[in-house]
Amino acid sequence: MEFSRLSTIRNLLEMIRFSHTLFALPFALLSAALAWKQKEEFSWIELLGIVACMVFARSAAMSFNRIVDRRLDAANPRTAGRHLPSGQLKVSHAWLFTLLCSIGFVASTLIFLVRDNPWPTILSVPVLIFIAAYSLSKRFTVLSHFWLGASLMLAPVATWIAICGLNHLDSPLVLGLAVLFWVAGFDILYACQDLEFDRKAGLFSIPSRVGIRASLWLASACHVVMLIMLICLWATSPFLGGIYLTGVGCVGILLAYEHWLVRPEDMTRVNQAFFHVNGVISVGLLLVVLLQLAFVPK
């Protein structure tokens, strides 16, 4: 019985790709670092709340995604081996996991009441509904990639609000826009793998509507906008300087490499571009900002 429970937990974490929390968490922590610098006060309680909220929110949304997409996943040869369509996990277990993570997310926002900030709790349910609704968006809009981007955009914006309230929102909004276009761009690249299936299933994705070549150009345009937003962040934040701009330049090189990996005639390296390069970008940019803030005079 104990082994069965451990196996179920392992499968649940594999189902939601728990390790990919790295994509959004570094941008939340980056926003938190700027917010603490703005307030000139660091809080372990706020750090705990931010990490808990990020983990629970992403886990709930990803689990819900796997549940509502299980029949589509079963029909798609690329995803038929996932835990729900292959029978490795029961749907009831996934629903229970989604419910518990949703409760955990809302409960985690209560931590910020200790800091006299009610906004995380007030916004928790609307935020959870918005990020979960992404899973249904590809059934009715070609803008589903941007919906996903907007969902991850909430990470740095919500983090700032959790620390500073609704004050000085220019920097987190600019950072959030950078995340939005970054995510939309690499999600368009990722969706190129399913072009034929999406067309047969009647799903709305940019590759299924405009083809791979045009999609790659649009993904490139999204990443150019991301770089522009990162430069705008430098312009709006008094704490970012040359070290940060050097990091942005490195991000540009990594994005160029990502687009070099994915070509219209060769989709075999999409996963390498999606997982490896983007993981380096998110973690690397966080480290660069922390290094930059270490050199900012108090």
Protein backbone atom coordinates (compact mmCIF):
# COMPACT_ATOMS: atom_id res chain seq x y z
CA MET A 1 0.00 0.00 0.00
CA GLU A 2 2.80 2.42 0.92
CA PHE A 3 4.61 1.67 -2.35
CA SER A 4 1.38 2.29 -4.27
CA ARG A 5 0.95 5.70 -2.65
CA LEU A 6 4.54 6.69 -3.36
CA SER A 7 4.12 5.55 -6.95
CA THR A 8 0.96 7.64 -7.31
CA ILE A 9 2.69 10.72 -5.89
CA ARG A 10 5.64 10.22 -8.22
CA ASN A 11 3.32 9.86 -11.20
CA LEU A 12 1.41 13.00 -10.20
CA LEU A 13 4.63 15.02 -10.03
CA GLU A 14 5.76 13.58 -13.36
CA MET A 15 2.35 14.35 -14.88
CA ILE A 16 2.61 18.04 -14.06
CA ARG A 17 6.35 18.10 -14.86
CA PHE A 18 7.08 19.55 -11.45
CA SER A 19 10.69 20.29 -12.41
CA HIS A 20 9.42 22.79 -15.01
CA THR A 21 8.28 25.10 -12.22
CA LEU A 22 11.72 26.56 -12.97
CA PHE A 23 10.24 28.34 -15.99
CA ALA A 24 8.09 30.74 -13.95
CA LEU A 25 9.59 30.69 -10.45
CA PRO A 26 12.84 32.56 -11.36
CA PHE A 27 10.83 35.47 -12.79
CA ALA A 28 8.72 35.58 -9.63
CA LEU A 29 11.88 35.65 -7.51
CA LEU A 30 13.41 38.28 -9.82
CA SER A 31 10.37 40.49 -9.27
CA ALA A 32 10.56 39.80 -5.54
CA ALA A 33 14.22 40.84 -5.44
CA LEU A 34 13.38 44.17 -7.12
CA ALA A 35 10.40 44.67 -4.79
CA TRP A 36 12.48 44.03 -1.66
CA LYS A 37 15.10 46.45 -2.99
CA GLN A 38 12.34 49.01 -3.52
CA LYS A 39 11.10 48.56 0.05
CA GLU A 40 14.62 48.24 1.44
CA GLU A 41 13.37 45.27 3.45
CA PHE A 42 13.68 41.51 2.92
CA SER A 43 11.14 39.10 4.45
CA TRP A 44 11.52 35.34 4.85
CA ILE A 45 7.75 35.10 5.37
CA GLU A 46 7.13 36.72 1.99
CA LEU A 47 9.68 34.42 0.34
CA LEU A 48 7.93 31.39 1.82
CA GLY A 49 4.55 32.67 0.63
CA ILE A 50 5.81 33.37 -2.88
CA VAL A 51 7.37 29.94 -3.34
CA ALA A 52 4.31 28.17 -1.89
CA CYS A 53 1.91 30.14 -4.08
CA MET A 54 3.97 29.50 -7.22
CA VAL A 55 4.27 25.78 -6.62
CA PHE A 56 0.59 25.26 -5.73
CA ALA A 57 -0.78 27.50 -8.50
CA ARG A 58 1.30 25.93 -11.26
CA SER A 59 0.60 22.40 -9.99
CA ALA A 60 -3.16 23.02 -9.90
CA ALA A 61 -3.21 24.57 -13.38
CA MET A 62 -1.01 21.88 -14.93
CA SER A 63 -3.01 19.05 -13.37
CA PHE A 64 -6.26 20.61 -14.63
CA ASN A 65 -4.68 20.89 -18.07
CA ARG A 66 -3.84 17.20 -18.12
CA ILE A 67 -7.38 16.28 -17.02
CA VAL A 68 -9.26 18.31 -19.62
CA ASP A 69 -6.81 17.34 -22.39
CA ARG A 70 -6.66 13.62 -21.61
CA ARG A 71 -8.81 12.55 -24.58
CA LEU A 72 -6.88 14.81 -26.97
CA ASP A 73 -3.63 13.47 -25.54
CA ALA A 74 -4.82 9.90 -26.10
CA ALA A 75 -5.51 10.63 -29.77
CA ASN A 76 -2.16 12.34 -30.35
CA PRO A 77 0.72 9.88 -30.91
CA ARG A 78 3.19 12.33 -29.33
CA THR A 79 1.24 12.52 -26.05
CA ALA A 80 -0.56 9.17 -25.89
CA GLY A 81 1.98 7.89 -23.36
CA ARG A 82 1.17 10.56 -20.78
CA HIS A 83 -0.01 9.35 -17.39
CA LEU A 84 -3.78 9.83 -17.74
CA PRO A 85 -4.37 8.57 -21.31
CA SER A 86 -2.04 5.60 -20.74
CA GLY A 87 -3.79 4.63 -17.50
CA GLN A 88 -0.77 5.14 -15.23
CA LEU A 89 -2.90 7.50 -13.15
CA LYS A 90 -6.59 7.53 -12.30
CA VAL A 91 -8.55 10.62 -13.27
CA SER A 92 -9.98 10.72 -9.73
CA HIS A 93 -6.45 11.00 -8.33
CA ALA A 94 -5.70 13.88 -10.70
CA TRP A 95 -8.90 15.70 -9.70
CA LEU A 96 -8.08 15.26 -6.00
CA PHE A 97 -4.56 16.55 -6.60
CA THR A 98 -5.95 19.57 -8.48
CA LEU A 99 -8.37 20.34 -5.65
CA LEU A 100 -5.72 20.04 -2.95
CA CYS A 101 -3.27 22.24 -4.88
CA SER A 102 -5.99 24.84 -5.46
CA ILE A 103 -6.80 24.91 -1.74
CA GLY A 104 -3.08 25.05 -1.00
CA PHE A 105 -2.66 28.05 -3.29
CA VAL A 106 -5.48 30.06 -1.70
CA ALA A 107 -4.30 29.07 1.78
CA SER A 108 -0.74 30.16 0.93
CA THR A 109 -1.93 33.67 0.14
CA LEU A 110 -3.07 33.99 3.77
CA ILE A 111 0.62 34.18 4.70
CA PHE A 112 0.71 37.74 3.40
CA LEU A 113 -1.95 38.81 5.88
CA VAL A 114 0.84 38.65 8.45
CA ARG A 115 2.42 41.49 6.46
CA ASP A 116 -0.88 43.41 6.43
CA ASN A 117 -1.35 42.80 2.70
CA PRO A 118 -4.79 41.39 1.78
CA TRP A 119 -4.33 41.68 -2.01
CA PRO A 120 -2.90 38.17 -2.62
CA THR A 121 -5.92 36.61 -0.90
CA ILE A 122 -8.40 38.91 -2.66
CA LEU A 123 -6.93 38.10 -6.08
CA SER A 124 -6.23 34.39 -5.48
CA VAL A 125 -9.43 32.89 -6.91
CA PRO A 126 -9.58 35.14 -10.03
CA VAL A 127 -5.91 34.36 -10.73
CA LEU A 128 -6.47 30.63 -10.32
CA ILE A 129 -9.48 30.69 -12.66
CA PHE A 130 -7.54 32.64 -15.30
CA ILE A 131 -4.51 30.35 -15.37
CA ALA A 132 -6.67 27.21 -15.34
CA ALA A 133 -8.86 28.52 -18.18
CA TYR A 134 -5.83 28.50 -20.48
CA SER A 135 -6.33 24.74 -20.81
CA LEU A 136 -9.61 25.35 -22.65
CA SER A 137 -8.46 28.27 -24.79
CA LYS A 138 -7.05 26.27 -27.72
CA ARG A 139 -10.55 25.01 -28.36
CA PHE A 140 -11.79 28.46 -29.39
CA THR A 141 -8.96 30.95 -29.99
CA VAL A 142 -5.71 31.06 -31.90
CA LEU A 143 -4.41 33.37 -29.16
CA SER A 144 -4.03 30.44 -26.74
CA HIS A 145 -0.23 30.83 -26.83
CA PHE A 146 -0.59 34.40 -25.58
CA TRP A 147 -3.08 33.28 -22.93
CA LEU A 148 -0.40 30.94 -21.61
CA GLY A 149 2.05 33.83 -21.71
CA ALA A 150 -0.38 36.04 -19.80
CA SER A 151 -0.80 33.29 -17.20
CA LEU A 152 2.94 33.21 -16.55
CA MET A 153 3.04 37.00 -16.72
CA LEU A 154 1.04 36.97 -13.51
CA ALA A 155 4.01 35.45 -11.66
CA PRO A 156 6.17 38.60 -11.49
CA VAL A 157 3.18 40.96 -11.28
CA ALA A 158 1.46 39.04 -8.48
CA THR A 159 4.76 38.66 -6.63
CA TRP A 160 5.28 42.43 -6.67
CA ILE A 161 1.74 43.02 -5.41
CA ALA A 162 2.32 40.48 -2.64
CA ILE A 163 5.30 42.53 -1.43
CA CYS A 164 4.54 46.15 -2.37
CA GLY A 165 0.79 46.13 -2.86
CA LEU A 166 -0.45 48.16 -5.82
CA ASN A 167 2.39 50.69 -5.63
CA HIS A 168 5.00 51.33 -8.35
CA LEU A 169 3.65 48.71 -10.77
CA ASP A 170 5.57 49.96 -13.83
CA SER A 171 8.61 47.67 -13.41
CA PRO A 172 6.67 44.43 -12.68
CA LEU A 173 4.28 45.11 -15.58
CA VAL A 174 7.20 45.58 -17.97
CA LEU A 175 8.82 42.41 -16.64
CA GLY A 176 5.47 40.65 -16.96
CA LEU A 177 5.18 41.67 -20.60
CA ALA A 178 8.67 40.29 -21.22
CA VAL A 179 7.52 36.97 -19.73
CA LEU A 180 4.30 37.03 -21.79
CA PHE A 181 6.11 37.36 -25.12
CA TRP A 182 8.89 34.97 -24.08
CA VAL A 183 6.38 32.24 -23.22
CA ALA A 184 4.16 32.90 -26.25
CA GLY A 185 7.19 32.65 -28.51
CA PHE A 186 8.47 29.34 -27.24
CA ASP A 187 4.95 27.91 -26.99
CA ILE A 188 4.45 28.67 -30.69
CA LEU A 189 7.70 26.81 -31.39
CA TYR A 190 6.52 23.87 -29.28
CA ALA A 191 3.13 23.76 -31.02
CA CYS A 192 4.84 23.26 -34.38
CA GLN A 193 5.24 19.59 -33.41
CA ASP A 194 1.46 19.12 -33.39
CA LEU A 195 0.55 21.01 -36.57
CA GLU A 196 -1.08 18.04 -38.35
CA PHE A 197 -2.86 16.75 -35.25
CA ASP A 198 -4.23 20.19 -34.35
CA ARG A 199 -5.64 20.56 -37.85
CA LYS A 200 -7.34 17.16 -37.71
CA ALA A 201 -8.70 17.79 -34.21
CA GLY A 202 -9.92 21.28 -35.09
CA LEU A 203 -7.77 22.90 -32.40
CA PHE A 204 -6.70 26.53 -32.58
CA SER A 205 -2.95 26.96 -32.70
CA ILE A 206 -0.91 29.40 -34.72
CA PRO A 207 1.09 26.68 -36.54
CA SER A 208 -2.12 24.88 -37.56
CA ARG A 209 -3.49 28.12 -39.05
CA VAL A 210 -0.47 29.72 -40.72
CA GLY A 211 2.03 26.89 -41.14
CA ILE A 212 5.44 26.26 -39.64
CA ARG A 213 7.53 28.82 -41.50
CA ALA A 214 5.25 31.76 -40.65
CA SER A 215 4.96 30.49 -37.07
CA LEU A 216 8.74 30.51 -36.66
CA TRP A 217 8.83 34.13 -37.83
CA LEU A 218 6.08 35.06 -35.39
CA ALA A 219 7.88 33.30 -32.55
CA SER A 220 11.02 35.25 -33.44
CA ALA A 221 9.04 38.51 -33.37
CA CYS A 222 7.71 37.61 -29.90
CA HIS A 223 11.23 37.09 -28.63
CA VAL A 224 12.38 40.38 -30.10
CA VAL A 225 9.57 42.07 -28.16
CA MET A 226 10.73 40.22 -25.05
CA LEU A 227 14.21 41.68 -25.43
CA ILE A 228 12.73 45.15 -25.91
CA MET A 229 10.72 44.72 -22.71
CA LEU A 230 13.82 43.62 -20.81
CA ILE A 231 15.57 46.78 -21.98
CA CYS A 232 12.53 48.80 -20.91
CA LEU A 233 12.83 47.16 -17.47
CA TRP A 234 16.36 48.58 -17.26
CA ALA A 235 14.93 52.00 -18.14
CA THR A 236 12.15 51.83 -15.52
CA SER A 237 14.13 50.36 -12.63
CA PRO A 238 16.65 52.52 -10.75
CA PHE A 239 18.50 49.40 -9.59
CA LEU A 240 19.55 47.86 -12.92
CA GLY A 241 22.71 48.80 -14.80
CA GLY A 242 25.52 47.44 -16.92
CA ILE A 243 25.62 43.97 -15.40
CA TYR A 244 21.93 43.52 -16.14
CA LEU A 245 22.27 44.79 -19.71
CA THR A 246 25.11 42.31 -20.28
CA GLY A 247 22.75 39.58 -19.09
CA VAL A 248 20.06 40.78 -21.50
CA GLY A 249 22.60 40.53 -24.30
CA CYS A 250 23.30 36.93 -23.29
CA VAL A 251 19.55 36.24 -23.32
CA GLY A 252 19.45 37.56 -26.89
CA ILE A 253 22.23 35.14 -27.89
CA LEU A 254 20.41 32.22 -26.26
CA LEU A 255 17.16 33.10 -28.03
CA ALA A 256 19.01 33.27 -31.35
CA TYR A 257 20.44 29.82 -30.61
CA GLU A 258 16.96 28.54 -29.76
CA HIS A 259 15.64 29.68 -33.13
CA TRP A 260 18.65 28.22 -34.90
CA LEU A 261 17.82 24.83 -33.37
CA VAL A 262 14.25 24.83 -34.73
CA ARG A 263 13.93 24.97 -38.51
CA PRO A 264 10.99 24.37 -40.85
CA GLU A 265 12.61 21.25 -42.25
CA ASP A 266 13.83 19.93 -38.87
CA MET A 267 11.56 19.75 -35.80
CA THR A 268 13.65 17.11 -34.01
CA ARG A 269 15.32 19.62 -31.67
CA VAL A 270 12.21 21.39 -30.42
CA ASN A 271 12.44 19.79 -26.98
CA GLN A 272 16.08 20.83 -26.65
CA ALA A 273 15.13 24.41 -27.51
CA PHE A 274 12.03 24.38 -25.30
CA PHE A 275 13.36 22.83 -22.12
CA HIS A 276 17.12 23.36 -22.01
CA VAL A 277 17.57 26.83 -23.49
CA ASN A 278 14.56 28.38 -21.76
CA GLY A 279 15.59 26.93 -18.42
CA VAL A 280 19.00 28.57 -18.79
CA ILE A 281 17.35 31.88 -19.74
CA SER A 282 15.04 32.04 -16.71
CA VAL A 283 17.56 30.94 -14.09
CA GLY A 284 20.41 32.89 -15.71
CA LEU A 285 18.47 36.15 -15.79
CA LEU A 286 17.57 35.77 -12.12
CA LEU A 287 21.22 35.26 -11.18
CA VAL A 288 22.26 38.28 -13.26
CA VAL A 289 19.71 40.51 -11.51
CA LEU A 290 20.80 39.27 -8.08
CA LEU A 291 24.41 40.00 -9.01
CA GLN A 292 23.41 43.46 -10.23
CA LEU A 293 21.49 44.25 -7.05
CA ALA A 294 24.48 43.18 -4.96
CA PHE A 295 26.42 46.07 -6.48
CA VAL A 296 23.70 48.67 -5.98
CA PRO A 297 24.63 51.07 -3.14
CA LYS A 298 22.32 50.91 -0.12
